[in-house]
Amino acid sequence: MPLNNPAAAVKITSGNYTGDGAANKAIAHGLSKAPELVFIIARGAGIVDRNGYVKNTINIGFNGDLNTVTAWTTTNFYVSNTLAAFNENLVVYDWVAIS
């Protein structure tokens, strides 16, 4: 799948965060622009519906469930526990952001 500007260098950052159950948690992605794609994977045995990816405004769990990144900016993406499971309290998540 081509990116919006294939001539520009692709940037990839990654990290992790611990969920706090909040409705809107900011995660600094370290890219100079909003990401084109974010993968989010929850750590832990038995956590199967806490994994997914987000491209633009389409949010899809790997198992087909709808998950949500509530917004993204040039500095952060925001995860929610209200509409989805990307910010469940005390769950550790790993992420990869691509621009």
PDB file of N, CA and C in Angstrom:
ATOM      1  N   MET A   1       0.843  -1.164   0.000  1.00  0.00           N
ATOM      2  CA  MET A   1       0.000   0.000   0.000  1.00  0.00           C
ATOM      3  C   MET A   1       0.895   1.236   0.000  1.00  0.00           C
ATOM      4  N   PRO A   2       0.770   2.118  -0.971  1.00  0.00           N
ATOM      5  CA  PRO A   2       1.625   3.300  -1.023  1.00  0.00           C
ATOM      6  C   PRO A   2       1.213   4.332   0.021  1.00  0.00           C
ATOM      7  N   LEU A   3       2.190   5.068   0.506  1.00  0.00           N
ATOM      8  CA  LEU A   3       1.912   6.179   1.400  1.00  0.00           C
ATOM      9  C   LEU A   3       1.500   7.382   0.567  1.00  0.00           C
ATOM     10  N   ASN A   4       1.000   8.414   1.226  1.00  0.00           N
ATOM     11  CA  ASN A   4       0.543   9.608   0.507  1.00  0.00           C
ATOM     12  C   ASN A   4       1.647  10.256  -0.310  1.00  0.00           C
ATOM     13  N   ASN A   5       2.888  10.189   0.156  1.00  0.00           N
ATOM     14  CA  ASN A   5       4.000  10.797  -0.553  1.00  0.00           C
ATOM     15  C   ASN A   5       5.164   9.809  -0.554  1.00  0.00           C
ATOM     16  N   PRO A   6       5.180   8.863  -1.466  1.00  0.00           N
ATOM     17  CA  PRO A   6       6.218   7.828  -1.433  1.00  0.00           C
ATOM     18  C   PRO A   6       7.626   8.357  -1.655  1.00  0.00           C
ATOM     19  N   ALA A   7       7.782   9.573  -2.213  1.00  0.00           N
ATOM     20  CA  ALA A   7       9.120  10.120  -2.423  1.00  0.00           C
ATOM     21  C   ALA A   7       9.750  10.603  -1.114  1.00  0.00           C
ATOM     22  N   ALA A   8       8.925  10.933  -0.140  1.00  0.00           N
ATOM     23  CA  ALA A   8       9.441  11.390   1.149  1.00  0.00           C
ATOM     24  C   ALA A   8       9.884  10.196   1.981  1.00  0.00           C
ATOM     25  N   ALA A   9      10.819  10.443   2.874  1.00  0.00           N
ATOM     26  CA  ALA A   9      11.320   9.369   3.743  1.00  0.00           C
ATOM     27  C   ALA A   9      10.230   8.948   4.727  1.00  0.00           C
ATOM     28  N   VAL A  10      10.101   7.655   4.895  1.00  0.00           N
ATOM     29  CA  VAL A  10       9.161   7.115   5.872  1.00  0.00           C
ATOM     30  C   VAL A  10       9.821   7.178   7.239  1.00  0.00           C
ATOM     31  N   LYS A  11       9.088   7.650   8.238  1.00  0.00           N
ATOM     32  CA  LYS A  11       9.588   7.704   9.602  1.00  0.00           C
ATOM     33  C   LYS A  11       8.801   6.727  10.462  1.00  0.00           C
ATOM     34  N   ILE A  12       9.512   6.012  11.332  1.00  0.00           N
ATOM     35  CA  ILE A  12       8.888   5.026  12.206  1.00  0.00           C
ATOM     36  C   ILE A  12       9.384   5.271  13.625  1.00  0.00           C
ATOM     37  N   THR A  13       8.450   5.348  14.558  1.00  0.00           N
ATOM     38  CA  THR A  13       8.793   5.440  15.969  1.00  0.00           C
ATOM     39  C   THR A  13       8.009   4.376  16.724  1.00  0.00           C
ATOM     40  N   SER A  14       8.467   4.069  17.922  1.00  0.00           N
ATOM     41  CA  SER A  14       7.766   3.070  18.733  1.00  0.00           C
ATOM     42  C   SER A  14       7.952   3.376  20.200  1.00  0.00           C
ATOM     43  N   GLY A  15       7.142   2.753  21.007  1.00  0.00           N
ATOM     44  CA  GLY A  15       7.235   2.940  22.445  1.00  0.00           C
ATOM     45  C   GLY A  15       6.207   2.091  23.152  1.00  0.00           C
ATOM     46  N   ASN A  16       5.981   2.404  24.409  1.00  0.00           N
ATOM     47  CA  ASN A  16       4.941   1.719  25.167  1.00  0.00           C
ATOM     48  C   ASN A  16       4.343   2.671  26.181  1.00  0.00           C
ATOM     49  N   TYR A  17       3.192   2.311  26.688  1.00  0.00           N
ATOM     50  CA  TYR A  17       2.530   3.082  27.730  1.00  0.00           C
ATOM     51  C   TYR A  17       1.691   2.134  28.577  1.00  0.00           C
ATOM     52  N   THR A  18       1.409   2.565  29.789  1.00  0.00           N
ATOM     53  CA  THR A  18       0.536   1.807  30.678  1.00  0.00           C
ATOM     54  C   THR A  18      -0.809   2.509  30.715  1.00  0.00           C
ATOM     55  N   GLY A  19      -1.870   1.762  30.439  1.00  0.00           N
ATOM     56  CA  GLY A  19      -3.203   2.330  30.437  1.00  0.00           C
ATOM     57  C   GLY A  19      -3.606   2.829  31.813  1.00  0.00           C
ATOM     58  N   ASP A  20      -4.423   3.883  31.814  1.00  0.00           N
ATOM     59  CA  ASP A  20      -4.915   4.433  33.077  1.00  0.00           C
ATOM     60  C   ASP A  20      -6.438   4.491  33.141  1.00  0.00           C
ATOM     61  N   GLY A  21      -7.108   3.950  32.121  1.00  0.00           N
ATOM     62  CA  GLY A  21      -8.563   3.907  32.113  1.00  0.00           C
ATOM     63  C   GLY A  21      -9.230   5.217  31.752  1.00  0.00           C
ATOM     64  N   ALA A  22      -8.459   6.243  31.430  1.00  0.00           N
ATOM     65  CA  ALA A  22      -9.023   7.557  31.116  1.00  0.00           C
ATOM     66  C   ALA A  22      -9.687   7.558  29.745  1.00  0.00           C
ATOM     67  N   ALA A  23     -10.541   8.546  29.531  1.00  0.00           N
ATOM     68  CA  ALA A  23     -11.248   8.672  28.261  1.00  0.00           C
ATOM     69  C   ALA A  23     -10.371   9.253  27.164  1.00  0.00           C
ATOM     70  N   ASN A  24      -9.255   9.897  27.499  1.00  0.00           N
ATOM     71  CA  ASN A  24      -8.436  10.553  26.488  1.00  0.00           C
ATOM     72  C   ASN A  24      -6.996  10.677  26.993  1.00  0.00           C
ATOM     73  N   LYS A  25      -6.149   9.710  26.694  1.00  0.00           N
ATOM     74  CA  LYS A  25      -4.753   9.696  27.151  1.00  0.00           C
ATOM     75  C   LYS A  25      -3.849  10.053  25.980  1.00  0.00           C
ATOM     76  N   ALA A  26      -2.980  11.056  26.170  1.00  0.00           N
ATOM     77  CA  ALA A  26      -2.042  11.486  25.128  1.00  0.00           C
ATOM     78  C   ALA A  26      -0.804  10.604  25.145  1.00  0.00           C
ATOM     79  N   ILE A  27      -0.399  10.132  23.963  1.00  0.00           N
ATOM     80  CA  ILE A  27       0.820   9.355  23.784  1.00  0.00           C
ATOM     81  C   ILE A  27       1.705  10.122  22.798  1.00  0.00           C
ATOM     82  N   ALA A  28       2.865  10.572  23.256  1.00  0.00           N
ATOM     83  CA  ALA A  28       3.790  11.297  22.372  1.00  0.00           C
ATOM     84  C   ALA A  28       4.418  10.309  21.391  1.00  0.00           C
ATOM     85  N   HIS A  29       4.310  10.594  20.078  1.00  0.00           N
ATOM     86  CA  HIS A  29       4.816   9.659  19.071  1.00  0.00           C
ATOM     87  C   HIS A  29       6.185  10.027  18.521  1.00  0.00           C
ATOM     88  N   GLY A  30       6.648  11.251  18.690  1.00  0.00           N
ATOM     89  CA  GLY A  30       7.991  11.628  18.274  1.00  0.00           C
ATOM     90  C   GLY A  30       8.188  11.842  16.783  1.00  0.00           C
ATOM     91  N   LEU A  31       7.124  11.859  16.015  1.00  0.00           N
ATOM     92  CA  LEU A  31       7.220  12.151  14.579  1.00  0.00           C
ATOM     93  C   LEU A  31       7.045  13.643  14.361  1.00  0.00           C
ATOM     94  N   SER A  32       7.470  14.145  13.245  1.00  0.00           N
ATOM     95  CA  SER A  32       7.324  15.573  12.968  1.00  0.00           C
ATOM     96  C   SER A  32       5.969  15.925  12.361  1.00  0.00           C
ATOM     97  N   LYS A  33       5.151  14.921  12.107  1.00  0.00           N
ATOM     98  CA  LYS A  33       3.799  15.139  11.593  1.00  0.00           C
ATOM     99  C   LYS A  33       2.901  14.025  12.125  1.00  0.00           C
ATOM    100  N   ALA A  34       1.617  14.179  11.929  1.00  0.00           N
ATOM    101  CA  ALA A  34       0.676  13.155  12.395  1.00  0.00           C
ATOM    102  C   ALA A  34       0.959  11.834  11.688  1.00  0.00           C
ATOM    103  N   PRO A  35       0.886  10.724  12.382  1.00  0.00           N
ATOM    104  CA  PRO A  35       1.164   9.433  11.752  1.00  0.00           C
ATOM    105  C   PRO A  35       0.126   9.056  10.703  1.00  0.00           C
ATOM    106  N   GLU A  36       0.565   8.269   9.740  1.00  0.00           N
ATOM    107  CA  GLU A  36      -0.344   7.683   8.756  1.00  0.00           C
ATOM    108  C   GLU A  36      -0.956   6.390   9.286  1.00  0.00           C
ATOM    109  N   LEU A  37      -0.210   5.716  10.165  1.00  0.00           N
ATOM    110  CA  LEU A  37      -0.628   4.409  10.654  1.00  0.00           C
ATOM    111  C   LEU A  37      -0.051   4.201  12.046  1.00  0.00           C
ATOM    112  N   VAL A  38      -0.860   3.657  12.949  1.00  0.00           N
ATOM    113  CA  VAL A  38      -0.404   3.317  14.296  1.00  0.00           C
ATOM    114  C   VAL A  38      -0.842   1.888  14.601  1.00  0.00           C
ATOM    115  N   PHE A  39       0.107   1.051  15.021  1.00  0.00           N
ATOM    116  CA  PHE A  39      -0.192  -0.288  15.516  1.00  0.00           C
ATOM    117  C   PHE A  39      -0.144  -0.235  17.033  1.00  0.00           C
ATOM    118  N   ILE A  40      -1.097  -0.866  17.698  1.00  0.00           N
ATOM    119  CA  ILE A  40      -1.115  -0.922  19.156  1.00  0.00           C
ATOM    120  C   ILE A  40      -1.347  -2.373  19.568  1.00  0.00           C
ATOM    121  N   ILE A  41      -0.466  -2.878  20.423  1.00  0.00           N
ATOM    122  CA  ILE A  41      -0.527  -4.268  20.878  1.00  0.00           C
ATOM    123  C   ILE A  41      -0.507  -4.274  22.401  1.00  0.00           C
ATOM    124  N   ALA A  42      -1.477  -4.922  23.020  1.00  0.00           N
ATOM    125  CA  ALA A  42      -1.498  -5.058  24.472  1.00  0.00           C
ATOM    126  C   ALA A  42      -0.646  -6.252  24.879  1.00  0.00           C
ATOM    127  N   ARG A  43       0.081  -6.100  25.973  1.00  0.00           N
ATOM    128  CA  ARG A  43       0.867  -7.197  26.526  1.00  0.00           C
ATOM    129  C   ARG A  43       0.018  -7.985  27.512  1.00  0.00           C
ATOM    130  N   GLY A  44       0.298  -9.265  27.622  1.00  0.00           N
ATOM    131  CA  GLY A  44      -0.350 -10.060  28.657  1.00  0.00           C
ATOM    132  C   GLY A  44      -1.135 -11.225  28.105  1.00  0.00           C
ATOM    133  N   ALA A  45      -1.137 -12.292  28.858  1.00  0.00           N
ATOM    134  CA  ALA A  45      -1.878 -13.494  28.480  1.00  0.00           C
ATOM    135  C   ALA A  45      -3.374 -13.221  28.555  1.00  0.00           C
ATOM    136  N   GLY A  46      -4.102 -13.738  27.604  1.00  0.00           N
ATOM    137  CA  GLY A  46      -5.556 -13.629  27.610  1.00  0.00           C
ATOM    138  C   GLY A  46      -6.092 -12.307  27.103  1.00  0.00           C
ATOM    139  N   ILE A  47      -5.229 -11.411  26.670  1.00  0.00           N
ATOM    140  CA  ILE A  47      -5.699 -10.122  26.148  1.00  0.00           C
ATOM    141  C   ILE A  47      -5.729 -10.230  24.632  1.00  0.00           C
ATOM    142  N   VAL A  48      -6.908 -10.535  24.089  1.00  0.00           N
ATOM    143  CA  VAL A  48      -7.004 -10.745  22.639  1.00  0.00           C
ATOM    144  C   VAL A  48      -7.740  -9.629  21.925  1.00  0.00           C
ATOM    145  N   ASP A  49      -8.544  -8.839  22.639  1.00  0.00           N
ATOM    146  CA  ASP A  49      -9.309  -7.789  21.959  1.00  0.00           C
ATOM    147  C   ASP A  49      -8.751  -6.410  22.244  1.00  0.00           C
ATOM    148  N   ARG A  50      -7.486  -6.324  22.618  1.00  0.00           N
ATOM    149  CA  ARG A  50      -6.852  -5.048  22.930  1.00  0.00           C
ATOM    150  C   ARG A  50      -5.753  -4.710  21.936  1.00  0.00           C
ATOM    151  N   ASN A  51      -5.815  -5.296  20.756  1.00  0.00           N
ATOM    152  CA  ASN A  51      -4.776  -5.120  19.744  1.00  0.00           C
ATOM    153  C   ASN A  51      -5.405  -4.600  18.468  1.00  0.00           C
ATOM    154  N   GLY A  52      -4.694  -3.729  17.757  1.00  0.00           N
ATOM    155  CA  GLY A  52      -5.259  -3.259  16.507  1.00  0.00           C
ATOM    156  C   GLY A  52      -4.369  -2.261  15.819  1.00  0.00           C
ATOM    157  N   TYR A  53      -4.928  -1.657  14.813  1.00  0.00           N
ATOM    158  CA  TYR A  53      -4.203  -0.639  14.063  1.00  0.00           C
ATOM    159  C   TYR A  53      -5.161   0.471  13.707  1.00  0.00           C
ATOM    160  N   VAL A  54      -4.604   1.623  13.430  1.00  0.00           N
ATOM    161  CA  VAL A  54      -5.394   2.783  13.067  1.00  0.00           C
ATOM    162  C   VAL A  54      -4.753   3.428  11.856  1.00  0.00           C
ATOM    163  N   LYS A  55      -5.543   3.646  10.812  1.00  0.00           N
ATOM    164  CA  LYS A  55      -5.071   4.368   9.626  1.00  0.00           C
ATOM    165  C   LYS A  55      -6.046   5.502   9.376  1.00  0.00           C
ATOM    166  N   ASN A  56      -5.540   6.710   9.403  1.00  0.00           N
ATOM    167  CA  ASN A  56      -6.376   7.904   9.289  1.00  0.00           C
ATOM    168  C   ASN A  56      -7.471   7.832  10.345  1.00  0.00           C
ATOM    169  N   THR A  57      -8.731   7.738   9.964  1.00  0.00           N
ATOM    170  CA  THR A  57      -9.798   7.650  10.959  1.00  0.00           C
ATOM    171  C   THR A  57     -10.416   6.259  11.011  1.00  0.00           C
ATOM    172  N   ILE A  58      -9.817   5.296  10.336  1.00  0.00           N
ATOM    173  CA  ILE A  58     -10.336   3.923  10.355  1.00  0.00           C
ATOM    174  C   ILE A  58      -9.604   3.166  11.453  1.00  0.00           C
ATOM    175  N   ASN A  59     -10.341   2.691  12.429  1.00  0.00           N
ATOM    176  CA  ASN A  59      -9.773   2.044  13.603  1.00  0.00           C
ATOM    177  C   ASN A  59     -10.263   0.603  13.659  1.00  0.00           C
ATOM    178  N   ILE A  60      -9.364  -0.366  13.560  1.00  0.00           N
ATOM    179  CA  ILE A  60      -9.772  -1.757  13.474  1.00  0.00           C
ATOM    180  C   ILE A  60      -8.912  -2.614  14.387  1.00  0.00           C
ATOM    181  N   GLY A  61      -9.560  -3.447  15.190  1.00  0.00           N
ATOM    182  CA  GLY A  61      -8.828  -4.417  15.991  1.00  0.00           C
ATOM    183  C   GLY A  61      -8.404  -5.580  15.111  1.00  0.00           C
ATOM    184  N   PHE A  62      -7.328  -6.245  15.477  1.00  0.00           N
ATOM    185  CA  PHE A  62      -6.864  -7.375  14.682  1.00  0.00           C
ATOM    186  C   PHE A  62      -7.900  -8.495  14.630  1.00  0.00           C
ATOM    187  N   ASN A  63      -8.781  -8.570  15.628  1.00  0.00           N
ATOM    188  CA  ASN A  63      -9.812  -9.598  15.622  1.00  0.00           C
ATOM    189  C   ASN A  63     -11.114  -9.092  15.007  1.00  0.00           C
ATOM    190  N   GLY A  64     -11.088  -7.898  14.408  1.00  0.00           N
ATOM    191  CA  GLY A  64     -12.264  -7.355  13.739  1.00  0.00           C
ATOM    192  C   GLY A  64     -13.072  -6.391  14.581  1.00  0.00           C
ATOM    193  N   ASP A  65     -12.770  -6.278  15.885  1.00  0.00           N
ATOM    194  CA  ASP A  65     -13.477  -5.338  16.743  1.00  0.00           C
ATOM    195  C   ASP A  65     -13.072  -3.915  16.415  1.00  0.00           C
ATOM    196  N   LEU A  66     -13.957  -2.984  16.706  1.00  0.00           N
ATOM    197  CA  LEU A  66     -13.651  -1.568  16.508  1.00  0.00           C
ATOM    198  C   LEU A  66     -12.898  -1.051  17.720  1.00  0.00           C
ATOM    199  N   ASN A  67     -11.743  -0.486  17.515  1.00  0.00           N
ATOM    200  CA  ASN A  67     -10.957   0.174  18.550  1.00  0.00           C
ATOM    201  C   ASN A  67     -10.730   1.605  18.101  1.00  0.00           C
ATOM    202  N   THR A  68     -10.373   2.485  19.037  1.00  0.00           N
ATOM    203  CA  THR A  68     -10.326   3.893  18.684  1.00  0.00           C
ATOM    204  C   THR A  68      -9.087   4.605  19.196  1.00  0.00           C
ATOM    205  N   VAL A  69      -8.420   5.305  18.311  1.00  0.00           N
ATOM    206  CA  VAL A  69      -7.512   6.382  18.673  1.00  0.00           C
ATOM    207  C   VAL A  69      -8.358   7.623  18.487  1.00  0.00           C
ATOM    208  N   THR A  70      -8.598   8.371  19.554  1.00  0.00           N
ATOM    209  CA  THR A  70      -9.585   9.449  19.497  1.00  0.00           C
ATOM    210  C   THR A  70      -9.144  10.639  18.662  1.00  0.00           C
ATOM    211  N   ALA A  71      -7.832  10.861  18.546  1.00  0.00           N
ATOM    212  CA  ALA A  71      -7.307  11.968  17.744  1.00  0.00           C
ATOM    213  C   ALA A  71      -5.814  11.762  17.577  1.00  0.00           C
ATOM    214  N   TRP A  72      -5.239  12.459  16.604  1.00  0.00           N
ATOM    215  CA  TRP A  72      -3.781  12.520  16.509  1.00  0.00           C
ATOM    216  C   TRP A  72      -3.360  13.854  15.950  1.00  0.00           C
ATOM    217  N   THR A  73      -2.193  14.274  16.440  1.00  0.00           N
ATOM    218  CA  THR A  73      -1.648  15.576  16.069  1.00  0.00           C
ATOM    219  C   THR A  73      -0.200  15.376  15.638  1.00  0.00           C
ATOM    220  N   THR A  74       0.503  16.466  15.408  1.00  0.00           N
ATOM    221  CA  THR A  74       1.913  16.361  15.032  1.00  0.00           C
ATOM    222  C   THR A  74       2.793  15.919  16.192  1.00  0.00           C
ATOM    223  N   THR A  75       2.263  15.891  17.409  1.00  0.00           N
ATOM    224  CA  THR A  75       3.061  15.475  18.571  1.00  0.00           C
ATOM    225  C   THR A  75       2.514  14.262  19.306  1.00  0.00           C
ATOM    226  N   ASN A  76       1.215  14.041  19.290  1.00  0.00           N
ATOM    227  CA  ASN A  76       0.595  12.967  20.079  1.00  0.00           C
ATOM    228  C   ASN A  76      -0.463  12.212  19.289  1.00  0.00           C
ATOM    229  N   PHE A  77      -0.713  10.968  19.725  1.00  0.00           N
ATOM    230  CA  PHE A  77      -1.986  10.337  19.411  1.00  0.00           C
ATOM    231  C   PHE A  77      -2.675  10.082  20.744  1.00  0.00           C
ATOM    232  N   TYR A  78      -3.997  10.004  20.728  1.00  0.00           N
ATOM    233  CA  TYR A  78      -4.779   9.922  21.951  1.00  0.00           C
ATOM    234  C   TYR A  78      -5.594   8.633  21.946  1.00  0.00           C
ATOM    235  N   VAL A  79      -5.517   7.904  23.045  1.00  0.00           N
ATOM    236  CA  VAL A  79      -6.237   6.644  23.159  1.00  0.00           C
ATOM    237  C   VAL A  79      -7.323   6.764  24.214  1.00  0.00           C
ATOM    238  N   SER A  80      -8.336   5.920  24.074  1.00  0.00           N
ATOM    239  CA  SER A  80      -9.497   5.985  24.947  1.00  0.00           C
ATOM    240  C   SER A  80      -9.823   4.616  25.525  1.00  0.00           C
ATOM    241  N   ASN A  81     -10.441   4.609  26.687  1.00  0.00           N
ATOM    242  CA  ASN A  81     -11.012   3.391  27.230  1.00  0.00           C
ATOM    243  C   ASN A  81     -12.534   3.462  27.199  1.00  0.00           C
ATOM    244  N   THR A  82     -13.070   4.605  26.759  1.00  0.00           N
ATOM    245  CA  THR A  82     -14.513   4.786  26.710  1.00  0.00           C
ATOM    246  C   THR A  82     -15.119   4.068  25.513  1.00  0.00           C
ATOM    247  N   LEU A  83     -14.529   4.262  24.346  1.00  0.00           N
ATOM    248  CA  LEU A  83     -15.057   3.680  23.117  1.00  0.00           C
ATOM    249  C   LEU A  83     -14.340   2.403  22.722  1.00  0.00           C
ATOM    250  N   ALA A  84     -13.232   2.115  23.340  1.00  0.00           N
ATOM    251  CA  ALA A  84     -12.402   1.010  22.890  1.00  0.00           C
ATOM    252  C   ALA A  84     -11.538   0.503  24.024  1.00  0.00           C
ATOM    253  N   ALA A  85     -10.596  -0.325  23.688  1.00  0.00           N
ATOM    254  CA  ALA A  85      -9.767  -0.963  24.705  1.00  0.00           C
ATOM    255  C   ALA A  85      -8.288  -0.667  24.507  1.00  0.00           C
ATOM    256  N   PHE A  86      -7.955   0.541  24.073  1.00  0.00           N
ATOM    257  CA  PHE A  86      -6.550   0.916  23.916  1.00  0.00           C
ATOM    258  C   PHE A  86      -6.012   1.643  25.145  1.00  0.00           C
ATOM    259  N   ASN A  87      -6.803   1.726  26.224  1.00  0.00           N
ATOM    260  CA  ASN A  87      -6.345   2.408  27.433  1.00  0.00           C
ATOM    261  C   ASN A  87      -6.936   1.763  28.686  1.00  0.00           C
ATOM    262  N   GLU A  88      -6.974   0.452  28.710  1.00  0.00           N
ATOM    263  CA  GLU A  88      -7.508  -0.246  29.880  1.00  0.00           C
ATOM    264  C   GLU A  88      -6.546  -0.069  31.057  1.00  0.00           C
ATOM    265  N   ASN A  89      -7.095   0.178  32.222  1.00  0.00           N
ATOM    266  CA  ASN A  89      -6.296   0.458  33.412  1.00  0.00           C
ATOM    267  C   ASN A  89      -5.278  -0.648  33.691  1.00  0.00           C
ATOM    268  N   LEU A  90      -4.013  -0.239  33.855  1.00  0.00           N
ATOM    269  CA  LEU A  90      -2.875  -1.082  34.226  1.00  0.00           C
ATOM    270  C   LEU A  90      -2.429  -2.078  33.152  1.00  0.00           C
ATOM    271  N   VAL A  91      -3.008  -2.019  31.959  1.00  0.00           N
ATOM    272  CA  VAL A  91      -2.545  -2.861  30.857  1.00  0.00           C
ATOM    273  C   VAL A  91      -1.408  -2.126  30.153  1.00  0.00           C
ATOM    274  N   VAL A  92      -0.326  -2.834  29.856  1.00  0.00           N
ATOM    275  CA  VAL A  92       0.810  -2.240  29.142  1.00  0.00           C
ATOM    276  C   VAL A  92       0.603  -2.468  27.645  1.00  0.00           C
ATOM    277  N   TYR A  93       0.763  -1.413  26.875  1.00  0.00           N
ATOM    278  CA  TYR A  93       0.600  -1.453  25.421  1.00  0.00           C
ATOM    279  C   TYR A  93       1.897  -1.068  24.742  1.00  0.00           C
ATOM    280  N   ASP A  94       2.256  -1.773  23.680  1.00  0.00           N
ATOM    281  CA  ASP A  94       3.361  -1.391  22.810  1.00  0.00           C
ATOM    282  C   ASP A  94       2.759  -0.787  21.553  1.00  0.00           C
ATOM    283  N   TRP A  95       3.434   0.192  20.975  1.00  0.00           N
ATOM    284  CA  TRP A  95       2.914   0.841  19.772  1.00  0.00           C
ATOM    285  C   TRP A  95       4.033   1.130  18.780  1.00  0.00           C
ATOM    286  N   VAL A  96       3.636   1.221  17.512  1.00  0.00           N
ATOM    287  CA  VAL A  96       4.531   1.629  16.422  1.00  0.00           C
ATOM    288  C   VAL A  96       3.756   2.658  15.607  1.00  0.00           C
ATOM    289  N   ALA A  97       4.350   3.818  15.378  1.00  0.00           N
ATOM    290  CA  ALA A  97       3.732   4.865  14.566  1.00  0.00           C
ATOM    291  C   ALA A  97       4.552   5.065  13.296  1.00  0.00           C
ATOM    292  N   ILE A  98       3.864   5.212  12.169  1.00  0.00           N
ATOM    293  CA  ILE A  98       4.512   5.362  10.875  1.00  0.00           C
ATOM    294  C   ILE A  98       3.961   6.595  10.196  1.00  0.00           C
ATOM    295  N   SER A  99       4.886   7.433   9.678  1.00  0.00           N
ATOM    296  CA  SER A  99       4.428   8.604   8.909  1.00  0.00           C
ATOM    297  C   SER A  99       5.118   8.610   7.558  1.00  0.00           C
TER     298      SER A  99
END
